[in-house]
């Protein structure tokens, strides 16, 4: 379990440092990575390309792991994420990553799930829901 957690921490650290050093030790060459809002990358080289391209447009400023859950060949990591893009936009949200491991101990599959941090009770003022008149986050 400790080696798995270290690989996940290494991946998050790569984003914080904007350095892909060691990415081939984390991901299997045939890995699949699914972002919470839809994009899907097949294979280490696509994951590497996405990493490089994304980091040319912004920076991850926070990606803290809250806890891990392990079961068999799978791990779930609960985290908090924040980024700042070069165009001035910024995002922060909570999420989880579902990770499936290969027999060699590399990530073979990773799927992210996101959750808005700006939550509210739509029933605070009575039995009829009052939803905010705003666009939902992308995930």
N, C-alpha and C. Protein backbone atom coordinates (compact mmCIF):
# COMPACT_ATOMS: atom_id res chain seq x y z
N UNK A 1 0.82 -1.20 0.00
CA UNK A 1 0.00 0.00 0.00
C UNK A 1 0.86 1.26 0.00
N UNK A 2 1.95 1.21 0.75
CA UNK A 2 2.81 2.39 0.85
C UNK A 2 3.42 2.76 -0.51
N UNK A 3 3.82 1.76 -1.29
CA UNK A 3 4.38 2.06 -2.62
C UNK A 3 3.34 2.67 -3.54
N UNK A 4 2.12 2.20 -3.43
CA UNK A 4 1.03 2.76 -4.24
C UNK A 4 0.79 4.23 -3.87
N UNK A 5 0.74 4.49 -2.58
CA UNK A 5 0.53 5.86 -2.13
C UNK A 5 1.68 6.76 -2.57
N UNK A 6 2.89 6.26 -2.54
CA UNK A 6 4.04 7.04 -2.98
C UNK A 6 3.95 7.37 -4.47
N UNK A 7 3.44 6.45 -5.27
CA UNK A 7 3.31 6.72 -6.71
C UNK A 7 2.25 7.79 -6.97
N UNK A 8 1.16 7.74 -6.23
CA UNK A 8 0.11 8.76 -6.38
C UNK A 8 0.65 10.11 -5.93
N UNK A 9 1.35 10.13 -4.81
CA UNK A 9 1.95 11.37 -4.32
C UNK A 9 2.97 11.91 -5.32
N UNK A 10 3.72 11.03 -5.96
CA UNK A 10 4.68 11.45 -6.97
C UNK A 10 3.96 12.11 -8.15
N UNK A 11 2.84 11.53 -8.59
CA UNK A 11 2.07 12.09 -9.70
C UNK A 11 1.55 13.48 -9.36
N UNK A 12 0.98 13.64 -8.18
CA UNK A 12 0.48 14.95 -7.77
C UNK A 12 1.64 15.94 -7.67
N UNK A 13 2.77 15.48 -7.16
CA UNK A 13 3.95 16.33 -7.05
C UNK A 13 4.48 16.79 -8.39
N UNK A 14 4.36 15.95 -9.41
CA UNK A 14 4.79 16.34 -10.75
C UNK A 14 4.02 17.57 -11.21
N UNK A 15 2.73 17.60 -10.92
CA UNK A 15 1.91 18.75 -11.30
C UNK A 15 2.33 19.99 -10.53
N UNK A 16 2.56 19.84 -9.24
CA UNK A 16 2.95 20.99 -8.43
C UNK A 16 4.32 21.54 -8.84
N UNK A 17 5.20 20.67 -9.28
CA UNK A 17 6.54 21.07 -9.69
C UNK A 17 6.65 21.33 -11.19
N UNK A 18 5.59 21.02 -11.93
CA UNK A 18 5.57 21.13 -13.39
C UNK A 18 6.73 20.37 -14.01
N UNK A 19 6.96 19.18 -13.50
CA UNK A 19 8.04 18.32 -13.98
C UNK A 19 7.53 16.90 -14.14
N UNK A 20 7.71 16.34 -15.32
CA UNK A 20 7.25 14.97 -15.58
C UNK A 20 8.29 13.92 -15.24
N UNK A 21 9.36 14.29 -14.59
CA UNK A 21 10.42 13.34 -14.25
C UNK A 21 9.85 12.16 -13.47
N UNK A 22 10.05 10.97 -13.99
CA UNK A 22 9.57 9.76 -13.34
C UNK A 22 8.19 9.31 -13.75
N UNK A 23 7.58 9.97 -14.71
CA UNK A 23 6.21 9.62 -15.11
C UNK A 23 6.11 8.18 -15.59
N UNK A 24 7.17 7.68 -16.23
CA UNK A 24 7.16 6.30 -16.72
C UNK A 24 7.22 5.28 -15.59
N UNK A 25 7.62 5.71 -14.40
CA UNK A 25 7.61 4.82 -13.24
C UNK A 25 6.24 4.77 -12.57
N UNK A 26 5.39 5.73 -12.89
CA UNK A 26 4.06 5.83 -12.29
C UNK A 26 3.01 5.17 -13.16
N UNK A 27 3.05 5.43 -14.48
CA UNK A 27 2.01 4.95 -15.39
C UNK A 27 2.50 3.82 -16.29
N UNK A 28 1.64 2.85 -16.49
CA UNK A 28 1.87 1.78 -17.45
C UNK A 28 1.84 2.39 -18.86
N UNK A 29 2.55 1.80 -19.79
CA UNK A 29 2.59 2.34 -21.15
C UNK A 29 1.21 2.34 -21.81
N UNK A 30 0.30 1.49 -21.35
CA UNK A 30 -1.06 1.43 -21.91
C UNK A 30 -2.11 2.01 -20.97
N UNK A 31 -1.69 2.83 -20.04
CA UNK A 31 -2.63 3.40 -19.05
C UNK A 31 -3.73 4.21 -19.71
N UNK A 32 -4.87 4.26 -19.04
CA UNK A 32 -6.00 5.10 -19.44
C UNK A 32 -6.23 6.09 -18.32
N UNK A 33 -6.37 7.37 -18.68
CA UNK A 33 -6.60 8.45 -17.70
C UNK A 33 -7.85 9.20 -18.12
N UNK A 34 -8.83 9.30 -17.22
CA UNK A 34 -10.08 10.00 -17.52
C UNK A 34 -10.23 11.16 -16.55
N UNK A 35 -10.30 12.37 -17.10
CA UNK A 35 -10.53 13.55 -16.26
C UNK A 35 -12.02 13.64 -15.89
N UNK A 36 -12.30 14.33 -14.79
CA UNK A 36 -13.67 14.39 -14.28
C UNK A 36 -14.63 15.07 -15.25
N UNK A 37 -14.14 15.91 -16.13
CA UNK A 37 -15.04 16.65 -17.01
C UNK A 37 -15.10 16.07 -18.42
N UNK A 38 -14.46 14.90 -18.67
CA UNK A 38 -14.67 14.22 -19.94
C UNK A 38 -13.46 13.80 -20.74
N UNK A 39 -12.39 14.60 -20.82
CA UNK A 39 -11.26 14.16 -21.63
C UNK A 39 -10.69 12.82 -21.16
N UNK A 40 -10.25 12.03 -22.12
CA UNK A 40 -9.74 10.69 -21.86
C UNK A 40 -8.46 10.50 -22.65
N UNK A 41 -7.42 10.03 -21.98
CA UNK A 41 -6.11 9.86 -22.61
C UNK A 41 -5.72 8.40 -22.55
N UNK A 42 -5.31 7.85 -23.69
CA UNK A 42 -4.94 6.44 -23.78
C UNK A 42 -3.45 6.32 -24.06
N UNK A 43 -2.74 5.71 -23.12
CA UNK A 43 -1.32 5.46 -23.27
C UNK A 43 -0.46 6.52 -22.60
N UNK A 44 0.71 6.09 -22.16
CA UNK A 44 1.63 6.96 -21.46
C UNK A 44 2.01 8.18 -22.30
N UNK A 45 2.22 8.01 -23.59
CA UNK A 45 2.65 9.15 -24.41
C UNK A 45 1.56 10.22 -24.52
N UNK A 46 0.29 9.82 -24.57
CA UNK A 46 -0.81 10.80 -24.58
C UNK A 46 -0.90 11.50 -23.23
N UNK A 47 -0.72 10.75 -22.15
CA UNK A 47 -0.75 11.35 -20.81
C UNK A 47 0.39 12.35 -20.68
N UNK A 48 1.57 11.98 -21.16
CA UNK A 48 2.73 12.87 -21.13
C UNK A 48 2.48 14.14 -21.97
N UNK A 49 1.91 13.96 -23.16
CA UNK A 49 1.61 15.12 -24.03
C UNK A 49 0.63 16.06 -23.34
N UNK A 50 -0.44 15.51 -22.77
CA UNK A 50 -1.43 16.32 -22.05
C UNK A 50 -0.77 17.08 -20.90
N UNK A 51 0.05 16.40 -20.13
CA UNK A 51 0.75 17.02 -19.00
C UNK A 51 1.57 18.22 -19.48
N UNK A 52 2.38 18.01 -20.52
CA UNK A 52 3.23 19.09 -21.04
C UNK A 52 2.40 20.26 -21.58
N UNK A 53 1.40 19.95 -22.38
CA UNK A 53 0.57 20.98 -23.00
C UNK A 53 -0.19 21.77 -21.93
N UNK A 54 -0.81 21.07 -20.98
CA UNK A 54 -1.58 21.75 -19.92
C UNK A 54 -0.67 22.68 -19.13
N UNK A 55 0.50 22.22 -18.77
CA UNK A 55 1.42 23.03 -17.98
C UNK A 55 2.00 24.20 -18.76
N UNK A 56 1.83 24.23 -20.06
CA UNK A 56 2.24 25.40 -20.85
C UNK A 56 1.21 26.52 -20.75
N UNK A 57 0.03 26.21 -20.18
CA UNK A 57 -1.06 27.19 -20.07
C UNK A 57 -1.41 27.59 -18.66
N UNK A 58 -0.85 26.92 -17.66
CA UNK A 58 -1.21 27.22 -16.28
C UNK A 58 -0.38 26.43 -15.30
N UNK A 59 -0.81 26.47 -14.03
CA UNK A 59 -0.08 25.77 -12.98
C UNK A 59 -1.04 25.25 -11.92
N UNK A 60 -0.76 24.07 -11.44
CA UNK A 60 -1.47 23.53 -10.28
C UNK A 60 -0.78 24.13 -9.06
N UNK A 61 -1.56 24.78 -8.21
CA UNK A 61 -0.99 25.44 -7.03
C UNK A 61 -1.29 24.67 -5.74
N UNK A 62 -2.23 23.74 -5.82
CA UNK A 62 -2.54 22.91 -4.65
C UNK A 62 -3.14 21.60 -5.14
N UNK A 63 -2.64 20.50 -4.60
CA UNK A 63 -3.25 19.20 -4.84
C UNK A 63 -2.93 18.34 -3.63
N UNK A 64 -3.73 18.51 -2.59
CA UNK A 64 -3.51 17.86 -1.31
C UNK A 64 -4.32 16.58 -1.21
N UNK A 65 -3.68 15.53 -0.79
CA UNK A 65 -4.36 14.26 -0.57
C UNK A 65 -4.88 14.22 0.86
N UNK A 66 -6.16 13.96 1.00
CA UNK A 66 -6.77 13.85 2.33
C UNK A 66 -6.63 12.44 2.90
N UNK A 67 -6.92 11.44 2.05
CA UNK A 67 -6.84 10.06 2.52
C UNK A 67 -6.84 9.10 1.34
N UNK A 68 -6.43 7.87 1.63
CA UNK A 68 -6.42 6.78 0.66
C UNK A 68 -7.32 5.66 1.15
N UNK A 69 -7.92 4.94 0.20
CA UNK A 69 -8.65 3.71 0.47
C UNK A 69 -8.09 2.66 -0.47
N UNK A 70 -7.78 1.48 0.06
CA UNK A 70 -7.23 0.40 -0.76
C UNK A 70 -8.12 -0.82 -0.67
N UNK A 71 -8.32 -1.45 -1.80
CA UNK A 71 -9.01 -2.74 -1.83
C UNK A 71 -8.49 -3.53 -3.03
N UNK A 72 -7.87 -4.64 -2.74
CA UNK A 72 -7.34 -5.47 -3.81
C UNK A 72 -6.41 -4.68 -4.71
N UNK A 73 -6.66 -4.72 -6.00
CA UNK A 73 -5.83 -4.03 -6.98
C UNK A 73 -6.28 -2.61 -7.27
N UNK A 74 -7.01 -2.00 -6.34
CA UNK A 74 -7.53 -0.65 -6.55
C UNK A 74 -7.20 0.26 -5.37
N UNK A 75 -7.10 1.53 -5.67
CA UNK A 75 -6.93 2.56 -4.65
C UNK A 75 -7.83 3.73 -5.00
N UNK A 76 -8.40 4.36 -3.98
CA UNK A 76 -9.11 5.62 -4.15
C UNK A 76 -8.37 6.66 -3.32
N UNK A 77 -8.07 7.78 -3.95
CA UNK A 77 -7.44 8.91 -3.26
C UNK A 77 -8.43 10.06 -3.22
N UNK A 78 -8.69 10.57 -2.03
CA UNK A 78 -9.54 11.76 -1.87
C UNK A 78 -8.62 12.96 -1.78
N UNK A 79 -8.95 14.05 -2.51
CA UNK A 79 -8.05 15.19 -2.59
C UNK A 79 -8.76 16.51 -2.74
N UNK A 80 -7.97 17.59 -2.61
CA UNK A 80 -8.41 18.97 -2.86
C UNK A 80 -7.45 19.54 -3.90
N UNK A 81 -8.01 20.20 -4.92
CA UNK A 81 -7.23 20.67 -6.07
C UNK A 81 -7.48 22.16 -6.30
N UNK A 82 -6.43 22.84 -6.74
CA UNK A 82 -6.56 24.25 -7.11
C UNK A 82 -5.55 24.57 -8.21
N UNK A 83 -6.00 25.33 -9.20
CA UNK A 83 -5.08 25.76 -10.26
C UNK A 83 -5.24 27.23 -10.59
N UNK A 84 -4.28 27.76 -11.28
CA UNK A 84 -4.29 29.13 -11.80
C UNK A 84 -3.80 29.07 -13.23
N UNK A 85 -4.63 29.57 -14.14
CA UNK A 85 -4.27 29.53 -15.55
C UNK A 85 -3.65 30.86 -15.96
N UNK A 86 -2.87 30.81 -17.03
CA UNK A 86 -2.19 32.02 -17.52
C UNK A 86 -3.16 33.11 -17.95
N UNK A 87 -4.40 32.73 -18.33
CA UNK A 87 -5.39 33.73 -18.75
C UNK A 87 -6.10 34.38 -17.56
N UNK A 88 -5.70 34.02 -16.33
CA UNK A 88 -6.28 34.63 -15.14
C UNK A 88 -7.36 33.81 -14.46
N UNK A 89 -7.86 32.78 -15.11
CA UNK A 89 -8.89 31.96 -14.48
C UNK A 89 -8.26 31.07 -13.40
N UNK A 90 -9.08 30.73 -12.43
CA UNK A 90 -8.64 29.86 -11.35
C UNK A 90 -9.79 28.94 -10.98
N UNK A 91 -9.45 27.76 -10.53
CA UNK A 91 -10.45 26.78 -10.11
C UNK A 91 -9.99 26.12 -8.83
N UNK A 92 -10.95 25.73 -8.02
CA UNK A 92 -10.68 24.93 -6.83
C UNK A 92 -11.85 23.99 -6.65
N UNK A 93 -11.56 22.75 -6.38
CA UNK A 93 -12.61 21.77 -6.14
C UNK A 93 -12.05 20.57 -5.40
N UNK A 94 -12.95 19.78 -4.87
CA UNK A 94 -12.59 18.53 -4.20
C UNK A 94 -12.80 17.40 -5.19
N UNK A 95 -12.13 16.28 -4.93
CA UNK A 95 -12.32 15.16 -5.82
C UNK A 95 -11.76 13.87 -5.29
N UNK A 96 -11.94 12.86 -6.11
CA UNK A 96 -11.40 11.53 -5.83
C UNK A 96 -10.89 10.95 -7.13
N UNK A 97 -9.87 10.12 -7.00
CA UNK A 97 -9.35 9.38 -8.14
C UNK A 97 -9.49 7.89 -7.84
N UNK A 98 -10.10 7.18 -8.78
CA UNK A 98 -10.18 5.72 -8.73
C UNK A 98 -9.02 5.20 -9.55
N UNK A 99 -8.17 4.41 -8.93
CA UNK A 99 -6.95 3.93 -9.58
C UNK A 99 -6.94 2.41 -9.57
N UNK A 100 -6.63 1.83 -10.74
CA UNK A 100 -6.44 0.39 -10.85
C UNK A 100 -4.97 0.16 -11.19
N UNK A 101 -4.37 -0.80 -10.50
CA UNK A 101 -2.94 -1.06 -10.61
C UNK A 101 -2.66 -2.26 -11.51
N UNK A 102 -1.55 -2.20 -12.22
CA UNK A 102 -1.09 -3.34 -13.00
C UNK A 102 -0.36 -4.31 -12.09
N UNK A 103 -0.08 -5.50 -12.59
CA UNK A 103 0.69 -6.49 -11.83
C UNK A 103 2.09 -5.98 -11.52
N UNK A 104 2.59 -5.05 -12.33
CA UNK A 104 3.93 -4.48 -12.14
C UNK A 104 3.92 -3.31 -11.16
N UNK A 105 2.76 -2.97 -10.62
CA UNK A 105 2.68 -1.91 -9.62
C UNK A 105 2.61 -0.51 -10.21
N UNK A 106 2.17 -0.39 -11.46
CA UNK A 106 2.00 0.93 -12.09
C UNK A 106 0.51 1.22 -12.24
N UNK A 107 0.20 2.47 -12.46
CA UNK A 107 -1.20 2.86 -12.69
C UNK A 107 -1.58 2.41 -14.09
N UNK A 108 -2.61 1.58 -14.18
CA UNK A 108 -3.12 1.13 -15.47
C UNK A 108 -4.39 1.87 -15.86
N UNK A 109 -5.08 2.42 -14.86
CA UNK A 109 -6.33 3.13 -15.09
C UNK A 109 -6.51 4.14 -13.98
N UNK A 110 -6.88 5.36 -14.34
CA UNK A 110 -7.18 6.39 -13.35
C UNK A 110 -8.37 7.19 -13.85
N UNK A 111 -9.40 7.30 -13.03
CA UNK A 111 -10.57 8.09 -13.35
C UNK A 111 -10.83 9.06 -12.21
N UNK A 112 -10.96 10.34 -12.56
CA UNK A 112 -11.20 11.40 -11.57
C UNK A 112 -12.69 11.70 -11.44
N UNK A 113 -13.08 12.10 -10.23
CA UNK A 113 -14.44 12.53 -9.94
C UNK A 113 -14.33 13.85 -9.18
N UNK A 114 -15.03 14.89 -9.62
CA UNK A 114 -14.93 16.20 -9.00
C UNK A 114 -16.18 16.59 -8.24
N UNK A 115 -16.01 17.49 -7.26
CA UNK A 115 -17.12 17.97 -6.45
C UNK A 115 -16.93 19.46 -6.15
N UNK A 116 -17.94 20.25 -6.42
CA UNK A 116 -17.91 21.68 -6.18
C UNK A 116 -17.73 21.97 -4.69
N UNK A 117 -16.84 22.89 -4.34
CA UNK A 117 -16.65 23.27 -2.94
C UNK A 117 -17.65 24.33 -2.48
N UNK A 118 -18.30 25.00 -3.40
CA UNK A 118 -19.25 26.06 -3.07
C UNK A 118 -20.64 25.45 -2.96
N UNK A 119 -20.90 24.80 -1.83
CA UNK A 119 -22.15 24.07 -1.65
C UNK A 119 -23.17 24.88 -0.85
N UNK A 120 -24.44 24.48 -0.96
CA UNK A 120 -25.51 25.18 -0.25
C UNK A 120 -26.71 24.25 -0.10
N UNK A 121 -27.64 24.63 0.77
CA UNK A 121 -28.85 23.86 1.03
C UNK A 121 -30.01 24.51 0.26
N UNK A 122 -30.50 23.88 -0.81
CA UNK A 122 -31.60 24.49 -1.57
C UNK A 122 -32.93 24.50 -0.82
N UNK A 123 -33.04 23.79 0.30
CA UNK A 123 -34.26 23.73 1.10
C UNK A 123 -34.16 24.57 2.37
N UNK A 124 -33.14 25.42 2.46
CA UNK A 124 -32.93 26.24 3.67
C UNK A 124 -34.13 27.10 4.00
N UNK A 125 -34.85 27.60 3.01
CA UNK A 125 -35.95 28.53 3.24
C UNK A 125 -37.33 27.89 3.12
N UNK A 126 -37.40 26.57 3.07
CA UNK A 126 -38.70 25.92 2.99
C UNK A 126 -38.68 24.65 2.15
N UNK A 127 -39.89 24.07 1.91
CA UNK A 127 -39.96 22.78 1.24
C UNK A 127 -39.72 22.82 -0.27
N UNK A 128 -39.81 24.00 -0.86
CA UNK A 128 -39.55 24.12 -2.30
C UNK A 128 -38.07 24.48 -2.50
N UNK A 129 -37.38 23.78 -3.38
CA UNK A 129 -35.96 24.07 -3.57
C UNK A 129 -35.74 25.42 -4.22
N UNK A 130 -34.71 26.09 -3.77
CA UNK A 130 -34.28 27.35 -4.36
C UNK A 130 -32.83 27.17 -4.81
N UNK A 131 -32.67 26.96 -6.12
CA UNK A 131 -31.35 26.72 -6.67
C UNK A 131 -30.74 28.05 -7.11
N UNK A 132 -29.46 28.14 -7.04
CA UNK A 132 -28.76 29.34 -7.48
C UNK A 132 -28.90 29.50 -8.99
N UNK A 133 -29.02 30.72 -9.40
CA UNK A 133 -29.11 31.03 -10.83
C UNK A 133 -27.69 31.27 -11.35
N UNK A 134 -26.97 30.17 -11.52
CA UNK A 134 -25.59 30.26 -11.98
C UNK A 134 -25.26 29.00 -12.79
N UNK A 135 -24.27 29.13 -13.61
CA UNK A 135 -23.83 28.00 -14.42
C UNK A 135 -23.11 27.00 -13.52
N UNK A 136 -23.44 25.73 -13.67
CA UNK A 136 -22.77 24.69 -12.89
C UNK A 136 -21.32 24.54 -13.35
N UNK A 137 -20.46 24.07 -12.45
CA UNK A 137 -19.07 23.83 -12.82
C UNK A 137 -19.02 22.76 -13.90
N UNK A 138 -17.94 22.71 -14.61
CA UNK A 138 -17.79 21.87 -15.79
C UNK A 138 -17.82 20.39 -15.53
N UNK A 139 -17.59 19.92 -14.33
CA UNK A 139 -17.58 18.49 -14.10
C UNK A 139 -18.93 17.99 -13.68
